[in-house]
Amino acid sequence: MSVAFIGNFMYQKPDDNAIGSFDLLLAYFKIEHYVTSDFTLYAMCEARPTDSPGILLYNRLDEICKSPQLTKSYSNICRHLVT
């Protein structure tokens, strides 16, 4: 499954609506059993040499994955930060 955020997140933070939509999408996928509790989230830059999704969104995804709401639903969620 792939999800795209539209914008340049090297210099601009993703807005709360985009992040909220992402949260809802993950919740829907869990309800419909499209993803399991051992779901792992990767950013494009973790798969190939690119700046995508941009450092400001990348850091925000890490915060989302550590949120109590998401870790409650996906107890084994894992983020592998590229340094």
PDB file of N, CA and C in Angstrom:
ATOM      1  N   MET A   1       0.848  -1.156   0.000  1.00  0.00           N
ATOM      2  CA  MET A   1       0.000   0.000   0.000  1.00  0.00           C
ATOM      3  C   MET A   1       0.898   1.223   0.000  1.00  0.00           C
ATOM      4  N   SER A   2       0.521   2.213  -0.765  1.00  0.00           N
ATOM      5  CA  SER A   2       1.256   3.484  -0.797  1.00  0.00           C
ATOM      6  C   SER A   2       0.305   4.631  -0.529  1.00  0.00           C
ATOM      7  N   VAL A   3       0.809   5.611   0.169  1.00  0.00           N
ATOM      8  CA  VAL A   3       0.051   6.826   0.454  1.00  0.00           C
ATOM      9  C   VAL A   3       0.923   8.000   0.051  1.00  0.00           C
ATOM     10  N   ALA A   4       0.348   8.966  -0.635  1.00  0.00           N
ATOM     11  CA  ALA A   4       1.113  10.142  -1.062  1.00  0.00           C
ATOM     12  C   ALA A   4       0.583  11.389  -0.375  1.00  0.00           C
ATOM     13  N   PHE A   5       1.500  12.194   0.107  1.00  0.00           N
ATOM     14  CA  PHE A   5       1.188  13.527   0.596  1.00  0.00           C
ATOM     15  C   PHE A   5       1.662  14.480  -0.497  1.00  0.00           C
ATOM     16  N   ILE A   6       0.806  15.368  -0.937  1.00  0.00           N
ATOM     17  CA  ILE A   6       1.153  16.289  -2.012  1.00  0.00           C
ATOM     18  C   ILE A   6       1.719  17.576  -1.414  1.00  0.00           C
ATOM     19  N   GLY A   7       2.917  17.944  -1.845  1.00  0.00           N
ATOM     20  CA  GLY A   7       3.543  19.167  -1.372  1.00  0.00           C
ATOM     21  C   GLY A   7       5.044  18.989  -1.264  1.00  0.00           C
ATOM     22  N   ASN A   8       5.734  20.067  -0.939  1.00  0.00           N
ATOM     23  CA  ASN A   8       7.170  20.039  -0.712  1.00  0.00           C
ATOM     24  C   ASN A   8       7.377  20.185   0.785  1.00  0.00           C
ATOM     25  N   PHE A   9       7.701  19.087   1.431  1.00  0.00           N
ATOM     26  CA  PHE A   9       7.806  19.098   2.880  1.00  0.00           C
ATOM     27  C   PHE A   9       9.251  19.200   3.356  1.00  0.00           C
ATOM     28  N   MET A  10      10.094  19.737   2.483  1.00  0.00           N
ATOM     29  CA  MET A  10      11.449  20.093   2.896  1.00  0.00           C
ATOM     30  C   MET A  10      11.411  21.438   3.624  1.00  0.00           C
ATOM     31  N   TYR A  11      10.467  22.294   3.244  1.00  0.00           N
ATOM     32  CA  TYR A  11      10.400  23.663   3.775  1.00  0.00           C
ATOM     33  C   TYR A  11       9.057  24.006   4.395  1.00  0.00           C
ATOM     34  N   GLN A  12       8.069  23.178   4.172  1.00  0.00           N
ATOM     35  CA  GLN A  12       6.712  23.458   4.647  1.00  0.00           C
ATOM     36  C   GLN A  12       6.193  22.242   5.407  1.00  0.00           C
ATOM     37  N   LYS A  13       5.659  22.482   6.595  1.00  0.00           N
ATOM     38  CA  LYS A  13       5.085  21.386   7.377  1.00  0.00           C
ATOM     39  C   LYS A  13       3.767  20.946   6.743  1.00  0.00           C
ATOM     40  N   PRO A  14       3.459  19.648   6.800  1.00  0.00           N
ATOM     41  CA  PRO A  14       2.146  19.198   6.333  1.00  0.00           C
ATOM     42  C   PRO A  14       1.080  19.761   7.264  1.00  0.00           C
ATOM     43  N   ASP A  15      -0.061  20.144   6.701  1.00  0.00           N
ATOM     44  CA  ASP A  15      -1.088  20.721   7.561  1.00  0.00           C
ATOM     45  C   ASP A  15      -1.803  19.638   8.364  1.00  0.00           C
ATOM     46  N   ASP A  16      -2.495  20.061   9.394  1.00  0.00           N
ATOM     47  CA  ASP A  16      -3.168  19.126  10.293  1.00  0.00           C
ATOM     48  C   ASP A  16      -4.234  18.319   9.579  1.00  0.00           C
ATOM     49  N   ASN A  17      -4.861  18.875   8.547  1.00  0.00           N
ATOM     50  CA  ASN A  17      -5.876  18.130   7.792  1.00  0.00           C
ATOM     51  C   ASN A  17      -5.265  16.922   7.089  1.00  0.00           C
ATOM     52  N   ALA A  18      -4.093  17.100   6.505  1.00  0.00           N
ATOM     53  CA  ALA A  18      -3.425  15.986   5.828  1.00  0.00           C
ATOM     54  C   ALA A  18      -3.045  14.901   6.827  1.00  0.00           C
ATOM     55  N   ILE A  19      -2.513  15.302   7.960  1.00  0.00           N
ATOM     56  CA  ILE A  19      -2.125  14.329   8.988  1.00  0.00           C
ATOM     57  C   ILE A  19      -3.364  13.636   9.546  1.00  0.00           C
ATOM     58  N   GLY A  20      -4.428  14.390   9.773  1.00  0.00           N
ATOM     59  CA  GLY A  20      -5.681  13.798  10.256  1.00  0.00           C
ATOM     60  C   GLY A  20      -6.256  12.806   9.267  1.00  0.00           C
ATOM     61  N   SER A  21      -6.181  13.118   7.991  1.00  0.00           N
ATOM     62  CA  SER A  21      -6.667  12.193   6.961  1.00  0.00           C
ATOM     63  C   SER A  21      -5.845  10.912   6.950  1.00  0.00           C
ATOM     64  N   PHE A  22      -4.549  11.051   7.154  1.00  0.00           N
ATOM     65  CA  PHE A  22      -3.682   9.878   7.222  1.00  0.00           C
ATOM     66  C   PHE A  22      -4.070   9.000   8.413  1.00  0.00           C
ATOM     67  N   ASP A  23      -4.327   9.607   9.554  1.00  0.00           N
ATOM     68  CA  ASP A  23      -4.768   8.851  10.736  1.00  0.00           C
ATOM     69  C   ASP A  23      -6.066   8.106  10.446  1.00  0.00           C
ATOM     70  N   LEU A  24      -7.020   8.787   9.809  1.00  0.00           N
ATOM     71  CA  LEU A  24      -8.295   8.149   9.469  1.00  0.00           C
ATOM     72  C   LEU A  24      -8.107   7.003   8.489  1.00  0.00           C
ATOM     73  N   LEU A  25      -7.227   7.195   7.526  1.00  0.00           N
ATOM     74  CA  LEU A  25      -6.956   6.143   6.554  1.00  0.00           C
ATOM     75  C   LEU A  25      -6.383   4.901   7.244  1.00  0.00           C
ATOM     76  N   LEU A  26      -5.439   5.097   8.142  1.00  0.00           N
ATOM     77  CA  LEU A  26      -4.890   3.954   8.875  1.00  0.00           C
ATOM     78  C   LEU A  26      -5.965   3.255   9.704  1.00  0.00           C
ATOM     79  N   ALA A  27      -6.833   4.035  10.332  1.00  0.00           N
ATOM     80  CA  ALA A  27      -7.919   3.450  11.121  1.00  0.00           C
ATOM     81  C   ALA A  27      -8.860   2.634  10.228  1.00  0.00           C
ATOM     82  N   TYR A  28      -9.187   3.176   9.066  1.00  0.00           N
ATOM     83  CA  TYR A  28     -10.062   2.467   8.122  1.00  0.00           C
ATOM     84  C   TYR A  28      -9.401   1.164   7.658  1.00  0.00           C
ATOM     85  N   PHE A  29      -8.122   1.238   7.318  1.00  0.00           N
ATOM     86  CA  PHE A  29      -7.409   0.042   6.869  1.00  0.00           C
ATOM     87  C   PHE A  29      -7.399  -1.033   7.955  1.00  0.00           C
ATOM     88  N   LYS A  30      -7.285  -0.611   9.201  1.00  0.00           N
ATOM     89  CA  LYS A  30      -7.299  -1.592  10.287  1.00  0.00           C
ATOM     90  C   LYS A  30      -8.678  -2.224  10.423  1.00  0.00           C
ATOM     91  N   ILE A  31      -9.728  -1.405  10.373  1.00  0.00           N
ATOM     92  CA  ILE A  31     -11.099  -1.919  10.487  1.00  0.00           C
ATOM     93  C   ILE A  31     -11.398  -2.920   9.376  1.00  0.00           C
ATOM     94  N   GLU A  32     -10.966  -2.602   8.171  1.00  0.00           N
ATOM     95  CA  GLU A  32     -11.227  -3.464   7.010  1.00  0.00           C
ATOM     96  C   GLU A  32     -10.209  -4.597   6.855  1.00  0.00           C
ATOM     97  N   HIS A  33      -9.284  -4.699   7.805  1.00  0.00           N
ATOM     98  CA  HIS A  33      -8.261  -5.750   7.815  1.00  0.00           C
ATOM     99  C   HIS A  33      -7.335  -5.691   6.595  1.00  0.00           C
ATOM    100  N   TYR A  34      -7.106  -4.490   6.089  1.00  0.00           N
ATOM    101  CA  TYR A  34      -6.137  -4.316   5.002  1.00  0.00           C
ATOM    102  C   TYR A  34      -4.710  -4.320   5.533  1.00  0.00           C
ATOM    103  N   VAL A  35      -4.558  -3.979   6.792  1.00  0.00           N
ATOM    104  CA  VAL A  35      -3.257  -4.059   7.452  1.00  0.00           C
ATOM    105  C   VAL A  35      -3.441  -4.809   8.760  1.00  0.00           C
ATOM    106  N   THR A  36      -2.391  -5.420   9.232  1.00  0.00           N
ATOM    107  CA  THR A  36      -2.451  -6.190  10.462  1.00  0.00           C
ATOM    108  C   THR A  36      -1.734  -5.447  11.581  1.00  0.00           C
ATOM    109  N   SER A  37      -1.783  -6.010  12.759  1.00  0.00           N
ATOM    110  CA  SER A  37      -1.196  -5.336  13.919  1.00  0.00           C
ATOM    111  C   SER A  37       0.326  -5.235  13.831  1.00  0.00           C
ATOM    112  N   ASP A  38       0.959  -6.011  12.962  1.00  0.00           N
ATOM    113  CA  ASP A  38       2.409  -5.912  12.819  1.00  0.00           C
ATOM    114  C   ASP A  38       2.809  -5.026  11.636  1.00  0.00           C
ATOM    115  N   PHE A  39       1.929  -4.131  11.262  1.00  0.00           N
ATOM    116  CA  PHE A  39       2.128  -3.162  10.190  1.00  0.00           C
ATOM    117  C   PHE A  39       3.393  -2.341  10.426  1.00  0.00           C
ATOM    118  N   THR A  40       4.161  -2.134   9.384  1.00  0.00           N
ATOM    119  CA  THR A  40       5.354  -1.301   9.457  1.00  0.00           C
ATOM    120  C   THR A  40       5.239  -0.177   8.446  1.00  0.00           C
ATOM    121  N   LEU A  41       5.532   1.021   8.868  1.00  0.00           N
ATOM    122  CA  LEU A  41       5.444   2.197   8.008  1.00  0.00           C
ATOM    123  C   LEU A  41       6.844   2.605   7.570  1.00  0.00           C
ATOM    124  N   TYR A  42       7.021   2.734   6.270  1.00  0.00           N
ATOM    125  CA  TYR A  42       8.283   3.196   5.703  1.00  0.00           C
ATOM    126  C   TYR A  42       8.029   4.440   4.863  1.00  0.00           C
ATOM    127  N   ALA A  43       8.991   5.320   4.839  1.00  0.00           N
ATOM    128  CA  ALA A  43       8.953   6.492   3.967  1.00  0.00           C
ATOM    129  C   ALA A  43       9.745   6.175   2.701  1.00  0.00           C
ATOM    130  N   MET A  44       9.468   6.899   1.629  1.00  0.00           N
ATOM    131  CA  MET A  44      10.144   6.652   0.360  1.00  0.00           C
ATOM    132  C   MET A  44      11.663   6.691   0.499  1.00  0.00           C
ATOM    133  N   CYS A  45      12.181   7.612   1.304  1.00  0.00           N
ATOM    134  CA  CYS A  45      13.634   7.741   1.457  1.00  0.00           C
ATOM    135  C   CYS A  45      14.252   6.524   2.132  1.00  0.00           C
ATOM    136  N   GLU A  46      13.426   5.669   2.713  1.00  0.00           N
ATOM    137  CA  GLU A  46      13.940   4.452   3.330  1.00  0.00           C
ATOM    138  C   GLU A  46      14.032   3.309   2.319  1.00  0.00           C
ATOM    139  N   ALA A  47      13.444   3.517   1.143  1.00  0.00           N
ATOM    140  CA  ALA A  47      13.452   2.484   0.108  1.00  0.00           C
ATOM    141  C   ALA A  47      14.400   2.803  -1.042  1.00  0.00           C
ATOM    142  N   ARG A  48      14.600   4.085  -1.285  1.00  0.00           N
ATOM    143  CA  ARG A  48      15.488   4.496  -2.374  1.00  0.00           C
ATOM    144  C   ARG A  48      16.088   5.854  -2.051  1.00  0.00           C
ATOM    145  N   PRO A  49      17.178   6.215  -2.695  1.00  0.00           N
ATOM    146  CA  PRO A  49      17.834   7.492  -2.389  1.00  0.00           C
ATOM    147  C   PRO A  49      17.047   8.686  -2.932  1.00  0.00           C
ATOM    148  N   THR A  50      16.298   9.304  -2.059  1.00  0.00           N
ATOM    149  CA  THR A  50      15.481  10.455  -2.414  1.00  0.00           C
ATOM    150  C   THR A  50      15.253  11.296  -1.165  1.00  0.00           C
ATOM    151  N   ASP A  51      14.863  12.542  -1.340  1.00  0.00           N
ATOM    152  CA  ASP A  51      14.500  13.391  -0.204  1.00  0.00           C
ATOM    153  C   ASP A  51      13.036  13.210   0.186  1.00  0.00           C
ATOM    154  N   SER A  52      12.294  12.466  -0.594  1.00  0.00           N
ATOM    155  CA  SER A  52      10.872  12.265  -0.335  1.00  0.00           C
ATOM    156  C   SER A  52      10.689  11.444   0.935  1.00  0.00           C
ATOM    157  N   PRO A  53       9.839  11.832   1.810  1.00  0.00           N
ATOM    158  CA  PRO A  53       8.752  12.794   1.713  1.00  0.00           C
ATOM    159  C   PRO A  53       9.118  14.200   2.173  1.00  0.00           C
ATOM    160  N   GLY A  54      10.356  14.467   2.417  1.00  0.00           N
ATOM    161  CA  GLY A  54      10.762  15.767   2.962  1.00  0.00           C
ATOM    162  C   GLY A  54      10.929  15.635   4.460  1.00  0.00           C
ATOM    163  N   ILE A  55      11.936  16.276   4.989  1.00  0.00           N
ATOM    164  CA  ILE A  55      12.299  16.101   6.394  1.00  0.00           C
ATOM    165  C   ILE A  55      11.186  16.526   7.356  1.00  0.00           C
ATOM    166  N   LEU A  56      10.412  17.546   7.005  1.00  0.00           N
ATOM    167  CA  LEU A  56       9.366  18.006   7.923  1.00  0.00           C
ATOM    168  C   LEU A  56       8.216  17.012   8.026  1.00  0.00           C
ATOM    169  N   LEU A  57       7.864  16.367   6.916  1.00  0.00           N
ATOM    170  CA  LEU A  57       6.853  15.312   6.974  1.00  0.00           C
ATOM    171  C   LEU A  57       7.452  14.048   7.573  1.00  0.00           C
ATOM    172  N   TYR A  58       8.670  13.739   7.223  1.00  0.00           N
ATOM    173  CA  TYR A  58       9.334  12.545   7.744  1.00  0.00           C
ATOM    174  C   TYR A  58       9.371  12.562   9.271  1.00  0.00           C
ATOM    175  N   ASN A  59       9.756  13.678   9.839  1.00  0.00           N
ATOM    176  CA  ASN A  59       9.778  13.793  11.301  1.00  0.00           C
ATOM    177  C   ASN A  59       8.385  13.685  11.885  1.00  0.00           C
ATOM    178  N   ARG A  60       7.414  14.230  11.204  1.00  0.00           N
ATOM    179  CA  ARG A  60       6.022  14.166  11.689  1.00  0.00           C
ATOM    180  C   ARG A  60       5.498  12.735  11.658  1.00  0.00           C
ATOM    181  N   LEU A  61       5.878  11.958  10.644  1.00  0.00           N
ATOM    182  CA  LEU A  61       5.452  10.558  10.587  1.00  0.00           C
ATOM    183  C   LEU A  61       6.001   9.775  11.768  1.00  0.00           C
ATOM    184  N   ASP A  62       7.216  10.085  12.163  1.00  0.00           N
ATOM    185  CA  ASP A  62       7.789   9.421  13.319  1.00  0.00           C
ATOM    186  C   ASP A  62       6.984   9.746  14.577  1.00  0.00           C
ATOM    187  N   GLU A  63       6.580  11.004  14.723  1.00  0.00           N
ATOM    188  CA  GLU A  63       5.747  11.398  15.872  1.00  0.00           C
ATOM    189  C   GLU A  63       4.413  10.665  15.847  1.00  0.00           C
ATOM    190  N   ILE A  64       3.808  10.570  14.669  1.00  0.00           N
ATOM    191  CA  ILE A  64       2.521   9.887  14.537  1.00  0.00           C
ATOM    192  C   ILE A  64       2.654   8.423  14.949  1.00  0.00           C
ATOM    193  N   CYS A  65       3.715   7.790  14.486  1.00  0.00           N
ATOM    194  CA  CYS A  65       3.900   6.367  14.784  1.00  0.00           C
ATOM    195  C   CYS A  65       4.145   6.101  16.256  1.00  0.00           C
ATOM    196  N   LYS A  66       4.624   7.095  16.964  1.00  0.00           N
ATOM    197  CA  LYS A  66       4.853   6.934  18.401  1.00  0.00           C
ATOM    198  C   LYS A  66       3.660   7.389  19.230  1.00  0.00           C
ATOM    199  N   SER A  67       2.604   7.874  18.563  1.00  0.00           N
ATOM    200  CA  SER A  67       1.448   8.376  19.303  1.00  0.00           C
ATOM    201  C   SER A  67       0.728   7.231  20.011  1.00  0.00           C
ATOM    202  N   PRO A  68       0.169   7.493  21.178  1.00  0.00           N
ATOM    203  CA  PRO A  68      -0.527   6.444  21.922  1.00  0.00           C
ATOM    204  C   PRO A  68      -1.695   5.835  21.139  1.00  0.00           C
ATOM    205  N   GLN A  69      -2.395   6.650  20.342  1.00  0.00           N
ATOM    206  CA  GLN A  69      -3.524   6.128  19.587  1.00  0.00           C
ATOM    207  C   GLN A  69      -3.072   5.079  18.570  1.00  0.00           C
ATOM    208  N   LEU A  70      -1.991   5.352  17.889  1.00  0.00           N
ATOM    209  CA  LEU A  70      -1.530   4.435  16.854  1.00  0.00           C
ATOM    210  C   LEU A  70      -0.854   3.216  17.460  1.00  0.00           C
ATOM    211  N   THR A  71      -0.043   3.403  18.479  1.00  0.00           N
ATOM    212  CA  THR A  71       0.629   2.253  19.079  1.00  0.00           C
ATOM    213  C   THR A  71      -0.368   1.347  19.790  1.00  0.00           C
ATOM    214  N   LYS A  72      -1.501   1.901  20.208  1.00  0.00           N
ATOM    215  CA  LYS A  72      -2.550   1.069  20.796  1.00  0.00           C
ATOM    216  C   LYS A  72      -3.156   0.159  19.732  1.00  0.00           C
ATOM    217  N   SER A  73      -3.354   0.692  18.529  1.00  0.00           N
ATOM    218  CA  SER A  73      -3.937  -0.093  17.444  1.00  0.00           C
ATOM    219  C   SER A  73      -2.921  -1.000  16.768  1.00  0.00           C
ATOM    220  N   TYR A  74      -1.711  -0.507  16.642  1.00  0.00           N
ATOM    221  CA  TYR A  74      -0.648  -1.254  15.970  1.00  0.00           C
ATOM    222  C   TYR A  74       0.499  -1.432  16.948  1.00  0.00           C
ATOM    223  N   SER A  75       0.373  -2.433  17.796  1.00  0.00           N
ATOM    224  CA  SER A  75       1.331  -2.590  18.894  1.00  0.00           C
ATOM    225  C   SER A  75       2.757  -2.835  18.419  1.00  0.00           C
ATOM    226  N   ASN A  76       2.933  -3.358  17.230  1.00  0.00           N
ATOM    227  CA  ASN A  76       4.276  -3.669  16.743  1.00  0.00           C
ATOM    228  C   ASN A  76       4.748  -2.698  15.673  1.00  0.00           C
ATOM    229  N   ILE A  77       4.089  -1.537  15.563  1.00  0.00           N
ATOM    230  CA  ILE A  77       4.503  -0.592  14.520  1.00  0.00           C
ATOM    231  C   ILE A  77       5.949  -0.197  14.738  1.00  0.00           C
ATOM    232  N   CYS A  78       6.634  -0.035  13.650  1.00  0.00           N
ATOM    233  CA  CYS A  78       8.062   0.191  13.724  1.00  0.00           C
ATOM    234  C   CYS A  78       8.445   1.262  12.727  1.00  0.00           C
ATOM    235  N   ARG A  79       9.312   2.154  13.128  1.00  0.00           N
ATOM    236  CA  ARG A  79       9.835   3.180  12.220  1.00  0.00           C
ATOM    237  C   ARG A  79      11.335   3.047  12.205  1.00  0.00           C
ATOM    238  N   HIS A  80      11.902   3.001  11.039  1.00  0.00           N
ATOM    239  CA  HIS A  80      13.342   2.905  10.889  1.00  0.00           C
ATOM    240  C   HIS A  80      13.824   4.230  10.328  1.00  0.00           C
ATOM    241  N   LEU A  81      14.363   5.068  11.166  1.00  0.00           N
ATOM    242  CA  LEU A  81      14.793   6.396  10.731  1.00  0.00           C
ATOM    243  C   LEU A  81      16.112   6.315   9.983  1.00  0.00           C
ATOM    244  N   VAL A  82      16.155   7.000   8.876  1.00  0.00           N
ATOM    245  CA  VAL A  82      17.371   7.107   8.092  1.00  0.00           C
ATOM    246  C   VAL A  82      18.163   8.283   8.618  1.00  0.00           C
ATOM    247  N   THR A  83      19.435   8.092   8.901  1.00  0.00           N
ATOM    248  CA  THR A  83      20.249   9.191   9.414  1.00  0.00           C
ATOM    249  C   THR A  83      21.268   9.624   8.384  1.00  0.00           C
TER     250      THR A  83
END
